[in-house]
Amino acid sequence: MVDRVYKSDLPRLRKALEKLRDDFCKLDSGKTDWSKLRIDPLLKHLDSLEQLLHSEEFSEEFSRLRKGVKLFHTDLVYLRENVKGLEELLRSEKKSVKK
């Protein structure tokens, strides 16, 4: 079960991060560069997770990896919370730019 959720959530989170990166670039508020500070490192983390999941080395490991459900869940929570936080920052930045 976890591998299915994990594999389906990673592309969804990637799309969300890429959209956030584009939205922050459009703002051009002159403040913190959230793309370089948070979004790019999160995308690199996603890249490495996806590479491992799809590598031949781990292709037959899922029966053993299920024992690490807590670890997979932690990755998803970490990524989801960062996306949520970045969305809140974007709303805040948009409000401050409009003023």
PDB file of N, CA and C in Angstrom:
ATOM      1  N   MET A   1       0.820  -1.205   0.000  1.00  0.00           N
ATOM      2  CA  MET A   1       0.000   0.000   0.000  1.00  0.00           C
ATOM      3  C   MET A   1       0.853   1.254   0.000  1.00  0.00           C
ATOM      4  N   VAL A   2       1.841   1.314   0.894  1.00  0.00           N
ATOM      5  CA  VAL A   2       2.627   2.543   1.001  1.00  0.00           C
ATOM      6  C   VAL A   2       3.381   2.854  -0.285  1.00  0.00           C
ATOM      7  N   ASP A   3       3.880   1.831  -0.963  1.00  0.00           N
ATOM      8  CA  ASP A   3       4.620   2.100  -2.184  1.00  0.00           C
ATOM      9  C   ASP A   3       3.726   2.702  -3.247  1.00  0.00           C
ATOM     10  N   ARG A   4       2.452   2.292  -3.282  1.00  0.00           N
ATOM     11  CA  ARG A   4       1.511   2.850  -4.254  1.00  0.00           C
ATOM     12  C   ARG A   4       1.239   4.319  -3.954  1.00  0.00           C
ATOM     13  N   VAL A   5       0.982   4.626  -2.694  1.00  0.00           N
ATOM     14  CA  VAL A   5       0.725   6.011  -2.287  1.00  0.00           C
ATOM     15  C   VAL A   5       1.976   6.849  -2.526  1.00  0.00           C
ATOM     16  N   TYR A   6       3.090   6.302  -2.124  1.00  0.00           N
ATOM     17  CA  TYR A   6       4.377   6.987  -2.258  1.00  0.00           C
ATOM     18  C   TYR A   6       4.652   7.322  -3.716  1.00  0.00           C
ATOM     19  N   LYS A   7       4.514   6.323  -4.567  1.00  0.00           N
ATOM     20  CA  LYS A   7       4.793   6.532  -5.996  1.00  0.00           C
ATOM     21  C   LYS A   7       3.809   7.500  -6.645  1.00  0.00           C
ATOM     22  N   SER A   8       2.569   7.510  -6.199  1.00  0.00           N
ATOM     23  CA  SER A   8       1.596   8.410  -6.811  1.00  0.00           C
ATOM     24  C   SER A   8       1.710   9.830  -6.266  1.00  0.00           C
ATOM     25  N   ASP A   9       2.112   9.968  -5.012  1.00  0.00           N
ATOM     26  CA  ASP A   9       2.228  11.303  -4.413  1.00  0.00           C
ATOM     27  C   ASP A   9       3.460  12.058  -4.897  1.00  0.00           C
ATOM     28  N   LEU A  10       4.532  11.361  -5.178  1.00  0.00           N
ATOM     29  CA  LEU A  10       5.753  12.054  -5.589  1.00  0.00           C
ATOM     30  C   LEU A  10       5.553  12.886  -6.858  1.00  0.00           C
ATOM     31  N   PRO A  11       4.942  12.353  -7.920  1.00  0.00           N
ATOM     32  CA  PRO A  11       4.704  13.199  -9.104  1.00  0.00           C
ATOM     33  C   PRO A  11       3.772  14.376  -8.814  1.00  0.00           C
ATOM     34  N   ARG A  12       2.771  14.147  -7.969  1.00  0.00           N
ATOM     35  CA  ARG A  12       1.844  15.225  -7.611  1.00  0.00           C
ATOM     36  C   ARG A  12       2.580  16.330  -6.863  1.00  0.00           C
ATOM     37  N   LEU A  13       3.452  15.949  -5.955  1.00  0.00           N
ATOM     38  CA  LEU A  13       4.232  16.931  -5.202  1.00  0.00           C
ATOM     39  C   LEU A  13       5.218  17.662  -6.109  1.00  0.00           C
ATOM     40  N   ARG A  14       5.786  16.950  -7.074  1.00  0.00           N
ATOM     41  CA  ARG A  14       6.691  17.588  -8.045  1.00  0.00           C
ATOM     42  C   ARG A  14       5.952  18.681  -8.822  1.00  0.00           C
ATOM     43  N   LYS A  15       4.757  18.360  -9.301  1.00  0.00           N
ATOM     44  CA  LYS A  15       3.965  19.349 -10.053  1.00  0.00           C
ATOM     45  C   LYS A  15       3.662  20.568  -9.186  1.00  0.00           C
ATOM     46  N   ALA A  16       3.308  20.323  -7.942  1.00  0.00           N
ATOM     47  CA  ALA A  16       2.996  21.428  -7.029  1.00  0.00           C
ATOM     48  C   ALA A  16       4.229  22.312  -6.815  1.00  0.00           C
ATOM     49  N   LEU A  17       5.389  21.693  -6.625  1.00  0.00           N
ATOM     50  CA  LEU A  17       6.618  22.463  -6.421  1.00  0.00           C
ATOM     51  C   LEU A  17       7.009  23.249  -7.671  1.00  0.00           C
ATOM     52  N   GLU A  18       6.853  22.637  -8.832  1.00  0.00           N
ATOM     53  CA  GLU A  18       7.171  23.332 -10.086  1.00  0.00           C
ATOM     54  C   GLU A  18       6.234  24.517 -10.304  1.00  0.00           C
ATOM     55  N   LYS A  19       4.968  24.337  -9.972  1.00  0.00           N
ATOM     56  CA  LYS A  19       4.008  25.444 -10.090  1.00  0.00           C
ATOM     57  C   LYS A  19       4.367  26.563  -9.110  1.00  0.00           C
ATOM     58  N   LEU A  20       4.718  26.196  -7.901  1.00  0.00           N
ATOM     59  CA  LEU A  20       5.134  27.195  -6.910  1.00  0.00           C
ATOM     60  C   LEU A  20       6.366  27.956  -7.390  1.00  0.00           C
ATOM     61  N   ARG A  21       7.319  27.243  -7.959  1.00  0.00           N
ATOM     62  CA  ARG A  21       8.527  27.896  -8.476  1.00  0.00           C
ATOM     63  C   ARG A  21       8.151  28.918  -9.539  1.00  0.00           C
ATOM     64  N   ASP A  22       7.269  28.525 -10.453  1.00  0.00           N
ATOM     65  CA  ASP A  22       6.830  29.448 -11.508  1.00  0.00           C
ATOM     66  C   ASP A  22       6.093  30.649 -10.920  1.00  0.00           C
ATOM     67  N   ASP A  23       5.228  30.396  -9.953  1.00  0.00           N
ATOM     68  CA  ASP A  23       4.454  31.481  -9.341  1.00  0.00           C
ATOM     69  C   ASP A  23       5.351  32.455  -8.581  1.00  0.00           C
ATOM     70  N   PHE A  24       6.348  31.938  -7.858  1.00  0.00           N
ATOM     71  CA  PHE A  24       7.271  32.822  -7.149  1.00  0.00           C
ATOM     72  C   PHE A  24       8.107  33.643  -8.138  1.00  0.00           C
ATOM     73  N   CYS A  25       8.485  33.028  -9.261  1.00  0.00           N
ATOM     74  CA  CYS A  25       9.258  33.767 -10.270  1.00  0.00           C
ATOM     75  C   CYS A  25       8.433  34.895 -10.889  1.00  0.00           C
ATOM     76  N   LYS A  26       7.155  34.677 -11.066  1.00  0.00           N
ATOM     77  CA  LYS A  26       6.276  35.696 -11.652  1.00  0.00           C
ATOM     78  C   LYS A  26       6.094  36.891 -10.722  1.00  0.00           C
ATOM     79  N   LEU A  27       6.196  36.654  -9.422  1.00  0.00           N
ATOM     80  CA  LEU A  27       5.996  37.737  -8.457  1.00  0.00           C
ATOM     81  C   LEU A  27       7.064  38.811  -8.557  1.00  0.00           C
ATOM     82  N   ASP A  28       8.300  38.388  -8.645  1.00  0.00           N
ATOM     83  CA  ASP A  28       9.425  39.319  -8.716  1.00  0.00           C
ATOM     84  C   ASP A  28       9.313  40.400  -7.632  1.00  0.00           C
ATOM     85  N   SER A  29       9.135  39.935  -6.402  1.00  0.00           N
ATOM     86  CA  SER A  29       8.937  40.875  -5.298  1.00  0.00           C
ATOM     87  C   SER A  29      10.248  41.444  -4.763  1.00  0.00           C
ATOM     88  N   GLY A  30      11.379  40.887  -5.193  1.00  0.00           N
ATOM     89  CA  GLY A  30      12.667  41.392  -4.731  1.00  0.00           C
ATOM     90  C   GLY A  30      13.028  40.925  -3.337  1.00  0.00           C
ATOM     91  N   LYS A  31      12.190  40.090  -2.766  1.00  0.00           N
ATOM     92  CA  LYS A  31      12.446  39.571  -1.429  1.00  0.00           C
ATOM     93  C   LYS A  31      13.197  38.244  -1.537  1.00  0.00           C
ATOM     94  N   THR A  32      13.002  37.374  -0.601  1.00  0.00           N
ATOM     95  CA  THR A  32      13.679  36.088  -0.547  1.00  0.00           C
ATOM     96  C   THR A  32      13.422  35.262  -1.802  1.00  0.00           C
ATOM     97  N   ASP A  33      14.475  34.652  -2.321  1.00  0.00           N
ATOM     98  CA  ASP A  33      14.350  33.778  -3.481  1.00  0.00           C
ATOM     99  C   ASP A  33      13.995  32.371  -2.994  1.00  0.00           C
ATOM    100  N   TRP A  34      12.699  32.115  -2.851  1.00  0.00           N
ATOM    101  CA  TRP A  34      12.233  30.840  -2.326  1.00  0.00           C
ATOM    102  C   TRP A  34      12.533  29.692  -3.259  1.00  0.00           C
ATOM    103  N   SER A  35      12.682  29.974  -4.540  1.00  0.00           N
ATOM    104  CA  SER A  35      13.016  28.907  -5.479  1.00  0.00           C
ATOM    105  C   SER A  35      14.377  28.308  -5.154  1.00  0.00           C
ATOM    106  N   LYS A  36      15.349  29.165  -4.974  1.00  0.00           N
ATOM    107  CA  LYS A  36      16.693  28.667  -4.669  1.00  0.00           C
ATOM    108  C   LYS A  36      16.812  28.167  -3.235  1.00  0.00           C
ATOM    109  N   LEU A  37      16.104  28.818  -2.336  1.00  0.00           N
ATOM    110  CA  LEU A  37      16.230  28.478  -0.923  1.00  0.00           C
ATOM    111  C   LEU A  37      15.517  27.180  -0.548  1.00  0.00           C
ATOM    112  N   ARG A  38      14.312  26.964  -1.055  1.00  0.00           N
ATOM    113  CA  ARG A  38      13.547  25.774  -0.653  1.00  0.00           C
ATOM    114  C   ARG A  38      13.100  24.898  -1.810  1.00  0.00           C
ATOM    115  N   ILE A  39      12.593  25.485  -2.874  1.00  0.00           N
ATOM    116  CA  ILE A  39      11.968  24.683  -3.922  1.00  0.00           C
ATOM    117  C   ILE A  39      12.984  23.821  -4.664  1.00  0.00           C
ATOM    118  N   ASP A  40      14.096  24.409  -5.093  1.00  0.00           N
ATOM    119  CA  ASP A  40      15.106  23.617  -5.809  1.00  0.00           C
ATOM    120  C   ASP A  40      15.660  22.472  -4.961  1.00  0.00           C
ATOM    121  N   PRO A  41      15.995  22.701  -3.679  1.00  0.00           N
ATOM    122  CA  PRO A  41      16.456  21.568  -2.853  1.00  0.00           C
ATOM    123  C   PRO A  41      15.380  20.480  -2.679  1.00  0.00           C
ATOM    124  N   LEU A  42      14.125  20.886  -2.568  1.00  0.00           N
ATOM    125  CA  LEU A  42      13.051  19.898  -2.445  1.00  0.00           C
ATOM    126  C   LEU A  42      12.900  19.088  -3.730  1.00  0.00           C
ATOM    127  N   LEU A  43      13.037  19.758  -4.872  1.00  0.00           N
ATOM    128  CA  LEU A  43      12.966  19.041  -6.148  1.00  0.00           C
ATOM    129  C   LEU A  43      14.138  18.070  -6.302  1.00  0.00           C
ATOM    130  N   LYS A  44      15.310  18.460  -5.824  1.00  0.00           N
ATOM    131  CA  LYS A  44      16.460  17.540  -5.866  1.00  0.00           C
ATOM    132  C   LYS A  44      16.202  16.327  -4.978  1.00  0.00           C
ATOM    133  N   HIS A  45      15.606  16.553  -3.824  1.00  0.00           N
ATOM    134  CA  HIS A  45      15.265  15.456  -2.927  1.00  0.00           C
ATOM    135  C   HIS A  45      14.276  14.507  -3.609  1.00  0.00           C
ATOM    136  N   LEU A  46      13.275  15.079  -4.269  1.00  0.00           N
ATOM    137  CA  LEU A  46      12.311  14.269  -5.018  1.00  0.00           C
ATOM    138  C   LEU A  46      13.000  13.472  -6.121  1.00  0.00           C
ATOM    139  N   ASP A  47      13.928  14.109  -6.835  1.00  0.00           N
ATOM    140  CA  ASP A  47      14.672  13.416  -7.888  1.00  0.00           C
ATOM    141  C   ASP A  47      15.371  12.180  -7.343  1.00  0.00           C
ATOM    142  N   SER A  48      16.049  12.350  -6.223  1.00  0.00           N
ATOM    143  CA  SER A  48      16.799  11.219  -5.671  1.00  0.00           C
ATOM    144  C   SER A  48      15.862  10.108  -5.204  1.00  0.00           C
ATOM    145  N   LEU A  49      14.731  10.464  -4.605  1.00  0.00           N
ATOM    146  CA  LEU A  49      13.770   9.444  -4.172  1.00  0.00           C
ATOM    147  C   LEU A  49      13.210   8.680  -5.368  1.00  0.00           C
ATOM    148  N   GLU A  50      12.853   9.409  -6.413  1.00  0.00           N
ATOM    149  CA  GLU A  50      12.296   8.760  -7.604  1.00  0.00           C
ATOM    150  C   GLU A  50      13.328   7.882  -8.292  1.00  0.00           C
ATOM    151  N   GLN A  51      14.560   8.331  -8.348  1.00  0.00           N
ATOM    152  CA  GLN A  51      15.613   7.511  -8.953  1.00  0.00           C
ATOM    153  C   GLN A  51      15.793   6.208  -8.192  1.00  0.00           C
ATOM    154  N   LEU A  52      15.793   6.289  -6.880  1.00  0.00           N
ATOM    155  CA  LEU A  52      15.931   5.075  -6.074  1.00  0.00           C
ATOM    156  C   LEU A  52      14.740   4.140  -6.261  1.00  0.00           C
ATOM    157  N   LEU A  53      13.551   4.698  -6.267  1.00  0.00           N
ATOM    158  CA  LEU A  53      12.352   3.864  -6.410  1.00  0.00           C
ATOM    159  C   LEU A  53      12.306   3.137  -7.740  1.00  0.00           C
ATOM    160  N   HIS A  54      12.841   3.763  -8.774  1.00  0.00           N
ATOM    161  CA  HIS A  54      12.759   3.191 -10.115  1.00  0.00           C
ATOM    162  C   HIS A  54      14.047   2.476 -10.537  1.00  0.00           C
ATOM    163  N   SER A  55      15.022   2.433  -9.659  1.00  0.00           N
ATOM    164  CA  SER A  55      16.278   1.787 -10.020  1.00  0.00           C
ATOM    165  C   SER A  55      16.149   0.269  -9.951  1.00  0.00           C
ATOM    166  N   GLU A  56      16.939  -0.405 -10.750  1.00  0.00           N
ATOM    167  CA  GLU A  56      16.939  -1.866 -10.752  1.00  0.00           C
ATOM    168  C   GLU A  56      17.372  -2.405  -9.395  1.00  0.00           C
ATOM    169  N   GLU A  57      18.248  -1.685  -8.746  1.00  0.00           N
ATOM    170  CA  GLU A  57      18.777  -2.122  -7.461  1.00  0.00           C
ATOM    171  C   GLU A  57      17.668  -2.367  -6.434  1.00  0.00           C
ATOM    172  N   PHE A  58      16.618  -1.538  -6.476  1.00  0.00           N
ATOM    173  CA  PHE A  58      15.550  -1.652  -5.497  1.00  0.00           C
ATOM    174  C   PHE A  58      14.236  -2.167  -6.075  1.00  0.00           C
ATOM    175  N   SER A  59      14.230  -2.568  -7.328  1.00  0.00           N
ATOM    176  CA  SER A  59      12.975  -2.956  -7.968  1.00  0.00           C
ATOM    177  C   SER A  59      12.293  -4.139  -7.285  1.00  0.00           C
ATOM    178  N   GLU A  60      13.046  -5.000  -6.658  1.00  0.00           N
ATOM    179  CA  GLU A  60      12.444  -6.157  -6.002  1.00  0.00           C
ATOM    180  C   GLU A  60      12.498  -6.046  -4.484  1.00  0.00           C
ATOM    181  N   GLU A  61      12.729  -4.876  -3.986  1.00  0.00           N
ATOM    182  CA  GLU A  61      12.890  -4.675  -2.547  1.00  0.00           C
ATOM    183  C   GLU A  61      11.611  -4.277  -1.825  1.00  0.00           C
ATOM    184  N   PHE A  62      10.532  -4.057  -2.538  1.00  0.00           N
ATOM    185  CA  PHE A  62       9.360  -3.485  -1.884  1.00  0.00           C
ATOM    186  C   PHE A  62       8.801  -4.350  -0.766  1.00  0.00           C
ATOM    187  N   SER A  63       8.935  -5.655  -0.878  1.00  0.00           N
ATOM    188  CA  SER A  63       8.434  -6.478   0.228  1.00  0.00           C
ATOM    189  C   SER A  63       9.209  -6.179   1.505  1.00  0.00           C
ATOM    190  N   ARG A  64      10.501  -5.942   1.396  1.00  0.00           N
ATOM    191  CA  ARG A  64      11.300  -5.601   2.576  1.00  0.00           C
ATOM    192  C   ARG A  64      11.136  -4.131   2.946  1.00  0.00           C
ATOM    193  N   LEU A  65      10.955  -3.278   1.973  1.00  0.00           N
ATOM    194  CA  LEU A  65      10.811  -1.848   2.247  1.00  0.00           C
ATOM    195  C   LEU A  65       9.510  -1.545   2.986  1.00  0.00           C
ATOM    196  N   ARG A  66       8.532  -2.386   2.852  1.00  0.00           N
ATOM    197  CA  ARG A  66       7.263  -2.158   3.565  1.00  0.00           C
ATOM    198  C   ARG A  66       7.476  -2.116   5.068  1.00  0.00           C
ATOM    199  N   LYS A  67       8.532  -2.751   5.538  1.00  0.00           N
ATOM    200  CA  LYS A  67       8.851  -2.697   6.965  1.00  0.00           C
ATOM    201  C   LYS A  67       9.230  -1.278   7.376  1.00  0.00           C
ATOM    202  N   GLY A  68       9.642  -0.477   6.422  1.00  0.00           N
ATOM    203  CA  GLY A  68      10.038   0.903   6.686  1.00  0.00           C
ATOM    204  C   GLY A  68       8.951   1.912   6.393  1.00  0.00           C
ATOM    205  N   VAL A  69       7.691   1.505   6.530  1.00  0.00           N
ATOM    206  CA  VAL A  69       6.554   2.386   6.218  1.00  0.00           C
ATOM    207  C   VAL A  69       6.697   3.732   6.912  1.00  0.00           C
ATOM    208  N   LYS A  70       7.111   3.724   8.147  1.00  0.00           N
ATOM    209  CA  LYS A  70       7.252   4.966   8.911  1.00  0.00           C
ATOM    210  C   LYS A  70       8.235   5.913   8.216  1.00  0.00           C
ATOM    211  N   LEU A  71       9.291   5.359   7.642  1.00  0.00           N
ATOM    212  CA  LEU A  71      10.289   6.186   6.959  1.00  0.00           C
ATOM    213  C   LEU A  71       9.729   6.787   5.679  1.00  0.00           C
ATOM    214  N   PHE A  72       8.983   6.001   4.914  1.00  0.00           N
ATOM    215  CA  PHE A  72       8.360   6.521   3.705  1.00  0.00           C
ATOM    216  C   PHE A  72       7.349   7.607   4.058  1.00  0.00           C
ATOM    217  N   HIS A  73       6.562   7.336   5.080  1.00  0.00           N
ATOM    218  CA  HIS A  73       5.560   8.310   5.512  1.00  0.00           C
ATOM    219  C   HIS A  73       6.233   9.632   5.906  1.00  0.00           C
ATOM    220  N   THR A  74       7.368   9.541   6.558  1.00  0.00           N
ATOM    221  CA  THR A  74       8.098  10.739   6.970  1.00  0.00           C
ATOM    222  C   THR A  74       8.504  11.581   5.766  1.00  0.00           C
ATOM    223  N   ASP A  75       8.948  10.940   4.681  1.00  0.00           N
ATOM    224  CA  ASP A  75       9.288  11.672   3.456  1.00  0.00           C
ATOM    225  C   ASP A  75       8.073  12.425   2.929  1.00  0.00           C
ATOM    226  N   LEU A  76       6.946  11.733   2.870  1.00  0.00           N
ATOM    227  CA  LEU A  76       5.731  12.358   2.342  1.00  0.00           C
ATOM    228  C   LEU A  76       5.275  13.522   3.210  1.00  0.00           C
ATOM    229  N   VAL A  77       5.314  13.346   4.527  1.00  0.00           N
ATOM    230  CA  VAL A  77       4.914  14.426   5.430  1.00  0.00           C
ATOM    231  C   VAL A  77       5.833  15.625   5.243  1.00  0.00           C
ATOM    232  N   TYR A  78       7.132  15.380   5.169  1.00  0.00           N
ATOM    233  CA  TYR A  78       8.121  16.439   4.980  1.00  0.00           C
ATOM    234  C   TYR A  78       7.842  17.227   3.696  1.00  0.00           C
ATOM    235  N   LEU A  79       7.621  16.527   2.615  1.00  0.00           N
ATOM    236  CA  LEU A  79       7.373  17.193   1.334  1.00  0.00           C
ATOM    237  C   LEU A  79       6.026  17.916   1.338  1.00  0.00           C
ATOM    238  N   ARG A  80       4.995  17.265   1.862  1.00  0.00           N
ATOM    239  CA  ARG A  80       3.671  17.891   1.907  1.00  0.00           C
ATOM    240  C   ARG A  80       3.677  19.157   2.751  1.00  0.00           C
ATOM    241  N   GLU A  81       4.330  19.101   3.907  1.00  0.00           N
ATOM    242  CA  GLU A  81       4.390  20.272   4.795  1.00  0.00           C
ATOM    243  C   GLU A  81       5.154  21.420   4.143  1.00  0.00           C
ATOM    244  N   ASN A  82       6.209  21.110   3.411  1.00  0.00           N
ATOM    245  CA  ASN A  82       6.958  22.154   2.719  1.00  0.00           C
ATOM    246  C   ASN A  82       6.127  22.783   1.614  1.00  0.00           C
ATOM    247  N   VAL A  83       5.387  21.975   0.871  1.00  0.00           N
ATOM    248  CA  VAL A  83       4.511  22.513  -0.181  1.00  0.00           C
ATOM    249  C   VAL A  83       3.449  23.406   0.459  1.00  0.00           C
ATOM    250  N   LYS A  84       2.846  22.938   1.535  1.00  0.00           N
ATOM    251  CA  LYS A  84       1.823  23.727   2.231  1.00  0.00           C
ATOM    252  C   LYS A  84       2.404  25.053   2.731  1.00  0.00           C
ATOM    253  N   GLY A  85       3.581  25.009   3.331  1.00  0.00           N
ATOM    254  CA  GLY A  85       4.222  26.223   3.824  1.00  0.00           C
ATOM    255  C   GLY A  85       4.568  27.184   2.706  1.00  0.00           C
ATOM    256  N   LEU A  86       5.044  26.663   1.594  1.00  0.00           N
ATOM    257  CA  LEU A  86       5.366  27.513   0.448  1.00  0.00           C
ATOM    258  C   LEU A  86       4.119  28.141  -0.149  1.00  0.00           C
ATOM    259  N   GLU A  87       3.014  27.407  -0.156  1.00  0.00           N
ATOM    260  CA  GLU A  87       1.757  27.976  -0.648  1.00  0.00           C
ATOM    261  C   GLU A  87       1.308  29.134   0.240  1.00  0.00           C
ATOM    262  N   GLU A  88       1.474  28.987   1.544  1.00  0.00           N
ATOM    263  CA  GLU A  88       1.137  30.076   2.466  1.00  0.00           C
ATOM    264  C   GLU A  88       2.041  31.287   2.239  1.00  0.00           C
ATOM    265  N   LEU A  89       3.331  31.031   2.046  1.00  0.00           N
ATOM    266  CA  LEU A  89       4.268  32.125   1.762  1.00  0.00           C
ATOM    267  C   LEU A  89       3.901  32.849   0.473  1.00  0.00           C
ATOM    268  N   LEU A  90       3.517  32.090  -0.531  1.00  0.00           N
ATOM    269  CA  LEU A  90       3.137  32.684  -1.814  1.00  0.00           C
ATOM    270  C   LEU A  90       1.935  33.601  -1.641  1.00  0.00           C
ATOM    271  N   ARG A  91       0.924  33.139  -0.899  1.00  0.00           N
ATOM    272  CA  ARG A  91      -0.246  33.996  -0.658  1.00  0.00           C
ATOM    273  C   ARG A  91       0.168  35.284   0.056  1.00  0.00           C
ATOM    274  N   SER A  92       1.039  35.140   1.033  1.00  0.00           N
ATOM    275  CA  SER A  92       1.511  36.306   1.780  1.00  0.00           C
ATOM    276  C   SER A  92       2.305  37.257   0.883  1.00  0.00           C
ATOM    277  N   GLU A  93       3.169  36.706   0.061  1.00  0.00           N
ATOM    278  CA  GLU A  93       3.971  37.526  -0.864  1.00  0.00           C
ATOM    279  C   GLU A  93       3.065  38.253  -1.855  1.00  0.00           C
ATOM    280  N   LYS A  94       2.043  37.569  -2.347  1.00  0.00           N
ATOM    281  CA  LYS A  94       1.118  38.199  -3.290  1.00  0.00           C
ATOM    282  C   LYS A  94       0.413  39.375  -2.656  1.00  0.00           C
ATOM    283  N   LYS A  95       0.013  39.206  -1.387  1.00  0.00           N
ATOM    284  CA  LYS A  95      -0.654  40.308  -0.693  1.00  0.00           C
ATOM    285  C   LYS A  95       0.279  41.507  -0.518  1.00  0.00           C
ATOM    286  N   SER A  96       1.535  41.248  -0.162  1.00  0.00           N
ATOM    287  CA  SER A  96       2.466  42.343   0.068  1.00  0.00           C
ATOM    288  C   SER A  96       2.861  43.047  -1.233  1.00  0.00           C
ATOM    289  N   VAL A  97       2.866  42.333  -2.333  1.00  0.00           N
ATOM    290  CA  VAL A  97       3.190  42.934  -3.637  1.00  0.00           C
ATOM    291  C   VAL A  97       2.046  43.825  -4.101  1.00  0.00           C
ATOM    292  N   LYS A  98       0.808  43.433  -3.816  1.00  0.00           N
ATOM    293  CA  LYS A  98      -0.368  44.211  -4.226  1.00  0.00           C
ATOM    294  C   LYS A  98      -0.480  45.555  -3.487  1.00  0.00           C
ATOM    295  N   LYS A  99       0.088  45.615  -2.287  1.00  0.00           N
ATOM    296  CA  LYS A  99      -0.041  46.845  -1.480  1.00  0.00           C
ATOM    297  C   LYS A  99       0.722  47.981  -2.021  1.00  0.00           C
TER     298      LYS A  99
END
